[in-house]
Protein backbone atom coordinates (compact mmCIF):
# COMPACT_ATOMS: atom_id res chain seq x y z
CA MET A 1 0.00 0.00 0.00
CA SER A 2 1.45 3.34 -1.01
CA ALA A 3 1.96 6.13 1.53
CA LYS A 4 -0.67 8.86 1.81
CA GLN A 5 0.51 12.11 0.17
CA LEU A 6 -0.05 15.78 1.01
CA SER A 7 -0.08 16.79 -2.65
CA SER A 8 -3.56 15.46 -3.28
CA SER A 9 -5.83 18.17 -4.68
CA SER A 10 -9.15 16.62 -3.82
CA GLY A 11 -11.05 15.22 -0.88
CA VAL A 12 -11.48 16.35 2.69
CA LEU A 13 -7.71 16.62 3.26
CA TYR A 14 -7.49 19.33 0.60
CA THR A 15 -10.78 21.14 1.04
CA ASP A 16 -11.14 21.20 4.84
CA ARG A 17 -8.15 19.93 6.80
CA ARG A 18 -5.19 21.78 5.28
CA ASP A 19 -4.42 25.32 6.52
CA PHE A 20 -3.15 27.44 3.64
CA TYR A 21 -3.13 30.68 5.64
CA ILE A 22 0.40 31.58 6.73
CA ARG A 23 -0.77 34.58 8.81
CA PRO A 24 -4.53 34.09 9.00
CA ASN A 25 -5.24 37.40 10.76
CA ILE A 26 -3.03 39.68 8.64
CA VAL A 27 -4.41 41.29 5.47
CA LYS A 28 -2.29 43.54 3.24
CA GLU A 29 -3.83 46.68 1.74
CA LEU A 30 -2.79 48.95 -1.13
CA TRP A 31 -2.54 52.74 -0.75
CA THR A 32 -1.92 53.35 2.92
CA ASP A 33 -1.45 57.11 2.34
CA VAL A 34 -4.61 57.71 0.36
CA THR A 35 -5.41 61.36 1.03
CA PRO A 36 -2.36 63.66 1.26
CA PHE A 37 -4.27 66.68 -0.13
CA THR A 38 -6.98 66.44 2.53
CA THR A 39 -4.32 65.78 5.18
CA VAL A 40 -2.46 68.97 4.27
CA ILE A 41 -5.49 71.27 4.23
CA SER A 42 -6.79 69.73 7.47
CA ASN A 43 -3.51 70.47 9.20
CA ARG A 44 -3.36 73.99 7.81
CA GLY A 45 -6.29 74.82 10.04
CA VAL A 46 -9.94 73.86 9.94
CA VAL A 47 -12.55 76.60 9.76
CA SER A 48 -15.46 75.26 11.79
CA GLY A 49 -18.63 76.67 13.29
CA LEU A 50 -19.85 78.08 9.97
CA ALA A 51 -23.18 79.92 10.21
CA ASP A 52 -24.25 78.55 6.82
CA PRO A 53 -23.08 75.66 4.59
CA THR A 54 -22.73 78.17 1.75
CA TYR A 55 -20.00 80.57 2.70
CA LYS A 56 -18.34 83.72 1.44
CA MET A 57 -14.65 84.50 1.74
CA PHE A 58 -13.04 87.91 1.46
CA GLU A 59 -9.92 88.39 -0.61
CA HIS A 60 -7.81 91.38 -1.56
CA ARG A 61 -5.15 91.97 -4.17
CA ASN A 62 -2.75 94.74 -3.20
CA PRO A 63 -2.99 97.38 -5.93
CA TRP A 64 0.58 98.53 -5.48
CA GLN A 65 2.05 95.30 -6.84
CA LYS A 66 1.35 96.55 -10.39
CA GLN A 67 0.27 100.13 -11.10
CA GLN A 68 0.01 101.31 -14.69
CA PHE A 69 -2.23 102.64 -17.44
CA ILE A 70 -2.20 102.59 -21.24
CA ILE A 71 -1.83 105.73 -23.38
CA THR A 72 -4.20 105.10 -26.27
CA GLU A 73 -3.12 107.81 -28.74
CA ALA A 74 -0.03 109.52 -30.16
CA ILE A 75 0.71 112.80 -28.30
CA ALA A 76 3.85 114.96 -28.44
CA ILE A 77 5.45 115.67 -25.02
CA PRO A 78 8.03 118.50 -25.24
CA ASP A 79 10.90 119.16 -22.83
CA ASP A 80 10.10 122.83 -22.29
CA GLN A 81 8.62 122.94 -18.77
CA THR A 82 5.09 122.79 -20.22
CA ASP A 83 2.51 120.07 -20.08
CA SER A 84 1.78 117.84 -23.01
CA ALA A 85 -1.63 117.96 -24.61
CA VAL A 86 -4.45 116.04 -22.95
CA MET A 87 -4.18 112.36 -23.83
CA ASN A 88 -6.65 109.49 -23.55
CA VAL A 89 -5.77 106.61 -21.27
CA GLY A 90 -7.31 103.21 -20.46
CA ALA A 91 -6.60 99.65 -19.24
CA ILE A 92 -5.94 100.96 -15.72
CA THR A 93 -4.27 98.56 -13.27
CA GLY A 94 -3.63 99.13 -9.56
CA LEU A 95 -4.96 102.71 -9.53
CA ASN A 96 -8.39 104.22 -9.09
CA SER A 97 -10.44 102.79 -11.97
CA THR A 98 -11.85 106.28 -12.57
CA VAL A 99 -9.15 108.76 -13.54
CA ASP A 100 -9.21 111.59 -10.98
CA GLN A 101 -6.94 113.96 -9.06
CA SER A 102 -5.28 111.04 -7.25
CA TYR A 103 -3.27 110.56 -10.46
CA VAL A 104 -1.70 114.02 -10.21
CA GLY A 105 1.88 113.77 -8.95
CA LEU A 106 2.52 110.20 -10.13
CA VAL A 107 5.90 109.62 -11.76
CA VAL A 108 5.71 107.14 -14.64
CA GLU A 109 8.05 105.39 -17.02
CA VAL A 110 6.55 105.19 -20.51
CA TRP A 111 7.35 102.04 -22.53
CA ASN A 112 6.19 100.80 -25.89
CA ALA A 113 3.40 98.21 -25.94
CA ALA A 114 5.86 95.30 -26.07
CA LEU A 115 7.85 96.68 -23.08
CA THR A 116 11.06 96.51 -25.12
CA SER A 117 11.80 100.24 -25.50
CA LYS A 118 11.50 102.98 -22.86
CA GLY A 119 10.46 106.41 -24.05
CA GLY A 120 11.30 108.31 -20.87
CA VAL A 121 10.19 109.31 -17.38
CA PHE A 122 7.26 111.70 -16.94
CA LEU A 123 5.24 113.48 -14.25
CA VAL A 124 1.43 113.43 -14.30
CA THR A 125 0.32 117.07 -13.90
CA TYR A 126 -3.36 116.87 -14.78
CA ALA A 127 -6.09 114.22 -14.75
CA ASP A 128 -9.83 114.05 -15.39
CA SER A 129 -12.47 111.37 -15.98
CA THR A 130 -13.68 112.57 -19.39
CA GLY A 131 -14.36 109.57 -21.64
CA ASN A 132 -12.21 106.69 -20.46
CA GLY A 133 -9.92 109.18 -18.70
CA HIS A 134 -7.46 111.93 -19.60
CA VAL A 135 -4.02 112.93 -18.27
CA LYS A 136 -1.28 115.42 -19.10
CA LEU A 137 2.39 114.49 -18.78
CA ARG A 138 5.49 116.61 -18.31
CA MET A 139 8.86 115.17 -19.34
CA LEU A 140 11.49 114.53 -16.68
CA SER A 141 13.91 112.78 -19.03
CA LYS A 142 13.99 111.16 -22.43
CA SER A 143 15.54 107.73 -22.47
CA ASP A 144 17.99 108.28 -25.36
CA THR A 145 19.41 111.58 -24.04
CA VAL A 146 21.04 112.91 -20.90
CA GLY A 147 18.35 115.52 -20.85
CA GLY A 148 15.34 116.56 -18.88
CA ILE A 149 13.70 119.56 -17.33
CA GLY A 150 15.63 122.79 -17.94
CA ASN A 151 17.64 121.64 -20.94
CA THR A 152 15.77 123.68 -23.56
CA GLY A 153 18.48 126.36 -23.63
CA ASN A 154 20.95 123.94 -25.18
CA ALA A 155 20.59 123.78 -28.95
CA ALA A 156 21.63 120.13 -28.90
CA ASP A 157 18.63 119.35 -26.71
CA GLN A 158 15.94 120.98 -28.82
CA ASP A 159 14.90 117.54 -30.22
CA LEU A 160 13.86 116.12 -26.85
CA THR A 161 10.16 115.97 -27.73
CA TYR A 162 8.79 112.48 -27.21
CA THR A 163 5.71 111.34 -29.12
CA THR A 164 3.83 108.55 -27.49
CA GLY A 165 2.87 105.50 -29.49
CA THR A 166 -0.62 104.02 -29.48
CA ASP A 167 -0.86 101.60 -26.53
CA ASP A 168 2.28 102.87 -24.81
CA VAL A 169 2.39 101.62 -21.21
CA ALA A 170 2.84 104.13 -18.39
CA ILE A 171 4.24 102.31 -15.34
CA VAL A 172 4.13 104.07 -11.98
CA VAL A 173 7.58 104.35 -10.38
CA GLY A 174 6.81 106.83 -7.61
CA ASN A 175 5.23 110.22 -6.94
CA ALA A 176 6.50 113.80 -6.59
CA HIS A 177 4.72 116.89 -5.20
CA ALA A 178 5.41 120.60 -4.82
CA GLU A 179 7.05 122.09 -1.76
CA GLY A 180 4.43 123.79 0.39
CA GLY A 181 1.57 122.02 -1.37
CA SER A 182 -1.46 120.29 0.10
CA ALA A 183 -2.03 116.56 0.43
CA PRO A 184 -2.96 114.94 -2.90
CA GLU A 185 -6.36 113.37 -3.59
CA ALA A 186 -6.84 110.04 -1.81
CA TRP A 187 -8.37 106.89 -3.25
CA ALA A 188 -9.12 103.42 -1.90
CA ASP A 189 -10.23 100.06 -3.27
CA GLU A 190 -12.63 97.48 -1.82
CA LEU A 191 -12.46 93.87 -0.75
CA GLU A 192 -13.64 91.16 -3.13
CA VAL A 193 -15.86 88.19 -2.29
CA VAL A 194 -15.75 84.58 -3.50
CA TYR A 195 -18.09 81.73 -2.63
CA ASN A 196 -18.00 78.01 -2.04
CA GLN A 197 -20.08 75.55 -0.08
CA CYS A 198 -19.89 72.45 2.05
CA GLN A 199 -20.90 69.09 0.67
CA ILE A 200 -22.59 66.27 2.61
CA PHE A 201 -20.62 63.03 2.36
CA LYS A 202 -22.15 59.74 3.58
CA THR A 203 -20.45 56.34 3.41
CA PRO A 204 -22.49 53.47 4.92
CA LEU A 205 -21.60 49.87 5.82
CA GLN A 206 -23.87 47.04 6.90
CA ILE A 207 -23.60 43.37 7.97
CA THR A 208 -26.04 40.86 9.43
CA GLY A 209 -25.99 39.76 13.05
CA THR A 210 -25.02 36.25 11.99
CA LEU A 211 -21.92 37.46 10.13
CA LEU A 212 -21.06 39.71 13.06
CA GLU A 213 -20.74 36.67 15.34
CA ALA A 214 -18.93 34.41 12.85
CA SER A 215 -15.37 33.21 13.52
CA LEU A 216 -13.38 34.16 10.42
CA ARG A 217 -9.89 33.91 8.99
CA GLY A 218 -8.14 36.77 7.25
CA GLU A 219 -9.78 39.30 9.51
CA SER A 220 -11.31 38.02 12.73
CA SER A 221 -14.06 40.66 12.63
CA GLU A 222 -15.80 41.47 9.36
CA LEU A 223 -17.36 44.53 10.97
CA ALA A 224 -13.94 45.90 11.93
CA ARG A 225 -12.61 45.20 8.45
CA LEU A 226 -15.48 46.98 6.75
CA ARG A 227 -15.24 49.92 9.12
CA ASP A 228 -11.59 50.38 8.22
CA GLN A 229 -12.23 49.95 4.49
CA LYS A 230 -15.17 52.36 4.43
CA SER A 231 -13.23 54.88 6.48
CA GLN A 232 -10.61 55.01 3.72
CA GLU A 233 -13.30 55.11 1.04
CA HIS A 234 -14.92 58.05 2.80
CA LYS A 235 -11.60 59.90 2.96
CA ILE A 236 -10.63 59.30 -0.64
CA GLN A 237 -14.04 60.38 -1.93
CA LYS A 238 -13.62 63.63 0.01
CA GLU A 239 -10.13 63.95 -1.44
CA ARG A 240 -11.48 63.58 -4.98
CA ALA A 241 -14.24 66.10 -4.30
CA PHE A 242 -11.71 68.62 -2.98
CA LEU A 243 -9.60 68.08 -6.11
CA TYR A 244 -12.26 67.66 -8.83
CA GLY A 245 -15.57 68.75 -7.30
CA MET A 246 -17.85 71.02 -9.29
CA HIS A 247 -20.98 73.02 -8.60
CA PRO A 248 -23.33 74.80 -11.01
CA TRP A 249 -22.36 78.33 -10.02
CA ASN A 250 -21.10 80.85 -12.50
CA LEU A 251 -17.38 81.35 -11.82
CA SER A 252 -16.80 84.40 -14.00
CA GLY A 253 -15.13 86.95 -11.78
CA GLY A 254 -16.03 84.98 -8.66
CA PHE A 255 -18.80 82.64 -7.60
CA SER A 256 -21.71 84.88 -8.48
CA SER A 257 -24.79 82.64 -8.86
CA LEU A 258 -26.30 80.68 -5.98
CA GLU A 259 -27.99 77.98 -8.02
CA SER A 260 -28.18 74.49 -6.52
CA ILE A 261 -29.28 71.00 -7.49
CA SER A 262 -32.33 69.51 -5.79
CA ASP A 263 -33.94 66.08 -5.55
CA ASN A 264 -37.23 65.02 -3.97
CA VAL A 265 -35.75 65.37 -0.48
CA GLY A 266 -33.99 68.72 -0.62
CA PRO A 267 -31.11 70.68 -2.13
CA ILE A 268 -27.85 68.92 -2.90
CA ARG A 269 -24.75 71.01 -2.31
CA THR A 270 -21.42 70.25 -3.97
CA THR A 271 -18.11 71.90 -3.19
CA MET A 272 -15.89 73.45 -5.85
CA GLY A 273 -12.59 71.56 -6.11
CA ILE A 274 -9.25 73.23 -6.74
CA ILE A 275 -8.70 71.88 -10.28
CA PRO A 276 -11.96 73.11 -11.88
CA ALA A 277 -11.63 76.35 -9.90
CA ILE A 278 -8.30 77.00 -11.62
CA GLU A 279 -9.59 75.85 -15.01
CA ASN A 280 -12.61 78.15 -14.78
CA ASN A 281 -10.62 81.12 -13.44
CA ALA A 282 -7.51 80.96 -15.62
CA LYS A 283 -5.17 83.93 -15.34
CA THR A 284 -2.53 85.22 -17.74
CA GLY A 285 0.78 87.06 -17.57
CA ASP A 286 2.64 86.98 -14.26
CA ASP A 287 -0.48 85.54 -12.62
CA GLN A 288 -0.78 82.58 -15.03
CA ASN A 289 -2.13 79.61 -13.10
CA ASN A 290 -3.03 77.02 -15.77
CA PHE A 291 -0.13 75.45 -17.67
CA SER A 292 -0.01 72.83 -20.42
CA ILE A 293 3.49 71.59 -21.18
CA SER A 294 4.67 69.27 -23.93
CA GLU A 295 6.40 66.14 -22.69
CA ALA A 296 8.47 65.89 -25.87
CA SER A 297 9.55 69.51 -26.33
CA TYR A 298 9.53 71.18 -22.90
CA SER A 299 12.72 73.22 -22.66
CA TYR A 300 14.82 74.37 -19.73
CA GLY A 301 14.03 77.98 -20.60
CA ALA A 302 10.29 77.28 -20.45
CA PHE A 303 10.76 75.44 -17.14
CA VAL A 304 12.57 78.44 -15.63
CA ASP A 305 9.89 80.85 -16.88
CA ASP A 306 7.06 78.67 -15.53
CA MET A 307 8.70 78.31 -12.11
CA GLU A 308 9.11 82.10 -11.95
CA LYS A 309 5.32 82.35 -12.15
CA VAL A 310 4.86 79.57 -9.57
CA PHE A 311 6.96 81.56 -7.09
CA HIS A 312 5.73 84.99 -8.21
CA TYR A 313 4.13 85.34 -4.78
CA VAL A 314 6.84 84.35 -2.32
CA PRO A 315 5.53 81.61 0.03
CA GLU A 316 5.78 82.19 3.76
CA ALA A 317 7.37 78.76 4.28
CA GLY A 318 10.04 79.29 1.61
CA SER A 319 8.79 76.29 -0.41
CA LYS A 320 5.53 75.21 -2.00
CA ARG A 321 3.64 71.94 -1.92
CA ALA A 322 2.86 70.26 -5.25
CA PHE A 323 0.48 67.30 -5.42
CA VAL A 324 1.48 65.07 -8.32
CA GLY A 325 0.14 62.06 -10.17
CA ALA A 326 2.48 59.14 -10.71
CA GLY A 327 3.05 60.19 -14.34
CA ALA A 328 4.06 63.72 -13.34
CA LEU A 329 6.44 62.42 -10.67
CA GLY A 330 7.91 60.03 -13.23
CA TYR A 331 8.33 62.90 -15.68
CA PHE A 332 10.39 64.98 -13.25
CA SER A 333 12.32 61.85 -12.23
CA LYS A 334 13.33 61.32 -15.87
CA MET A 335 14.43 64.95 -16.05
CA SER A 336 16.74 64.41 -13.08
CA GLY A 337 18.52 61.44 -14.69
CA ALA A 338 22.07 61.53 -16.00
CA SER A 339 20.93 61.91 -19.60
CA GLY A 340 18.42 64.65 -18.83
CA LEU A 341 15.05 64.78 -20.51
CA ALA A 342 15.36 62.55 -23.56
CA GLY A 343 16.31 64.70 -26.51
CA ASN A 344 15.50 68.05 -24.87
CA SER A 345 18.98 69.59 -25.10
CA GLY A 346 20.29 67.40 -22.25
CA TRP A 347 19.04 69.57 -19.38
CA THR A 348 18.39 68.16 -15.93
CA VAL A 349 16.71 69.13 -12.68
CA SER A 350 17.70 68.35 -9.11
CA LEU A 351 15.23 65.96 -7.47
CA GLY A 352 15.87 64.77 -3.90
CA ASP A 353 15.39 61.29 -2.47
CA MET A 354 12.03 60.09 -1.21
CA LYS A 355 11.39 61.24 2.37
CA ARG A 356 8.56 61.01 4.88
CA ASP A 357 6.69 64.14 5.91
CA GLY A 358 5.68 64.63 9.52
CA LEU A 359 2.04 64.45 8.39
CA GLY A 360 2.55 60.85 7.22
CA PHE A 361 3.00 60.97 3.45
CA ASN A 362 6.02 60.54 1.17
CA TYR A 363 7.54 63.36 -0.87
CA ARG A 364 10.55 64.41 -2.95
CA MET A 365 11.99 67.93 -3.19
CA LEU A 366 12.34 69.47 -6.65
CA GLU A 367 14.85 72.31 -6.81
CA THR A 368 13.94 75.11 -9.21
CA PRO A 369 15.78 78.40 -9.88
CA HIS A 370 13.08 80.28 -7.96
CA GLY A 371 12.25 78.01 -5.03
CA MET A 372 11.74 74.47 -3.77
CA LEU A 373 8.72 72.33 -4.66
CA GLN A 374 7.67 69.50 -2.34
CA LEU A 375 6.37 66.86 -4.77
CA ILE A 376 3.76 64.73 -2.99
CA PRO A 377 2.56 61.54 -4.76
CA THR A 378 -1.25 61.70 -4.71
CA PRO A 379 -3.18 58.46 -5.44
CA SER A 380 -6.32 60.36 -6.46
CA LEU A 381 -4.46 61.98 -9.37
CA ARG A 382 -4.93 59.04 -11.71
CA GLY A 383 -6.41 58.34 -15.12
CA PRO A 384 -6.62 61.58 -17.11
CA TYR A 385 -4.86 63.43 -14.25
CA ASN A 386 -1.95 60.98 -14.00
CA LYS A 387 0.44 63.55 -15.49
CA SER A 388 -0.93 66.51 -13.55
CA MET A 389 0.58 68.63 -10.79
CA VAL A 390 -1.36 70.95 -8.49
CA VAL A 391 0.79 73.56 -6.73
CA VAL A 392 -1.00 75.15 -3.79
CA SER A 393 -0.55 78.30 -1.75
CA ASP A 394 -1.01 77.14 1.84
CA GLU A 395 -1.99 80.63 2.94
CA ASN A 396 -4.97 80.70 0.56
CA LEU A 397 -6.36 77.20 1.13
CA SER A 398 -8.41 75.85 4.04
CA LEU A 399 -10.81 73.10 5.05
CA MET A 400 -14.31 74.37 5.83
CA GLN A 401 -16.59 72.39 8.18
CA TYR A 402 -20.28 73.14 8.61
CA ARG A 403 -20.68 70.08 10.84
CA ALA A 404 -17.86 68.09 12.41
CA PRO A 405 -17.13 64.70 10.78
CA LYS A 406 -18.55 61.80 12.74
CA PHE A 407 -18.79 58.02 12.78
CA GLN A 408 -22.44 57.09 13.34
CA ALA A 409 -22.64 53.58 14.78
CA ASN A 410 -25.62 51.23 14.66
CA ILE A 411 -27.97 53.68 12.95
CA LYS A 412 -30.55 51.04 11.93
CA THR A 413 -32.48 49.69 14.92
CA ASP A 414 -36.16 49.68 13.88
CA ASN A 415 -38.11 46.43 14.35
CA ALA A 416 -35.23 44.76 16.20
CA TYR A 417 -33.05 44.66 13.07
CA ASP A 418 -30.70 41.65 13.21
CA GLY A 419 -27.48 43.32 12.09
CA VAL A 420 -25.37 46.43 12.24
CA LYS A 421 -25.47 49.46 9.94
CA ASP A 422 -22.93 52.25 10.44
CA GLN A 423 -22.17 55.45 8.56
CA TYR A 424 -19.29 57.88 8.12
CA PHE A 425 -20.62 61.44 7.82
CA SER A 426 -19.00 64.73 6.83
CA ASP A 427 -20.35 68.14 5.84
CA GLU A 428 -17.24 69.86 4.50
CA GLY A 429 -15.81 71.89 1.66
CA ILE A 430 -12.66 73.79 0.82
CA GLY A 431 -11.91 77.48 1.02
CA LEU A 432 -10.09 78.82 -2.05
CA THR A 433 -9.01 82.43 -2.29
CA LEU A 434 -6.68 84.35 -4.62
CA ILE A 435 -6.94 81.66 -7.29
CA GLU A 436 -3.87 82.97 -9.15
CA SER A 437 -1.69 81.82 -6.23
CA HIS A 438 -2.56 78.17 -6.99
CA LYS A 439 -1.15 76.51 -10.13
CA LEU A 440 -2.19 73.58 -12.31
CA PHE A 441 0.26 71.82 -14.65
CA LYS A 442 -0.78 69.24 -17.21
CA ILE A 443 1.92 67.29 -19.06
CA VAL A 444 0.67 66.38 -22.52
CA ASP A 445 2.13 64.01 -25.10
């Protein structure tokens, strides 16, 4: 009679008696750090105790960061201690939007429309609100001469007249006023308002009383396993809402319409996520906040220019956080290799080793000419957002709570229900202000 073997793949020995579980109470899970974006905004400070789930936030852009106006016609400005003729102006930035006496005394540099050639430095001596606005300028110096006020007696300086070009840019560089004069006209701006709202998140779980009492392998308690799983599901769905969420409000110039979606129970509120907020409020120039870069042709010069805009507003912490999809992190990793970015003139970037943040997620530091970016791998940035990077301004981002998150245990008890039903509940949104301080990069093929 042959010996009985363990290798048999049938019968009671195989189906019931053998124990194939090496560690029967240990289960491995993917994605332990599922919500770094939510983790960061939660630790930046939670705004709780809201009076209403729809909330307004004040924001202000300092006008002095860029003060200028456009000269919209050709006018001759002589160097003879007299004013130029009245000239039309428009496209006012950082000054009173209505031209008034607060303009008088401003010292301006006048450049051509492309900002490649400076015409000279001038003093505003007159201003009124006729039409789009009028000013008079008096020359202080012409850029191609060592001339200025009081040089008219020199025959060599008789050609100092400067004629403005259409769409010349007058950039404020200071102000000057007469000795013994009175205080100039004052002006002031106003705060701006943006909206968002909290969203109700509910993630339920339910098992029968029989399963609750069962002795199981893998996880000894199915209720405990489901509670842990649904807790992570609840968090990652909030994370996605904070990244991608959308509501039906009109975003032009701020959240101006208070429309909402309703069902047969009541209104349904949805929070506006950071990505669609940037996409719907795209800025240009120094404030550009939406970037599309070519994976095949992105150059070092373009990288430097883009990072200048990322750090245009200097962060308080000295670095900025950037939430990246796996494809975006891989892209910058390739750029840091010995051969540089394949074919793109052999340029490289400095990318640090993977480290662990005190908040519990991994990151790598990307060194740019203008500042350091903390690249944080973000599991929710997948699929079409795999090669995306969201750079945030910590100072202008917050977590808003209308009601504190809670775990609601055993919520189904009617008619002596034989089982357990629990629910994770949140009523939260994000606070986004000064949208130009947040940046979105998309790497395209």
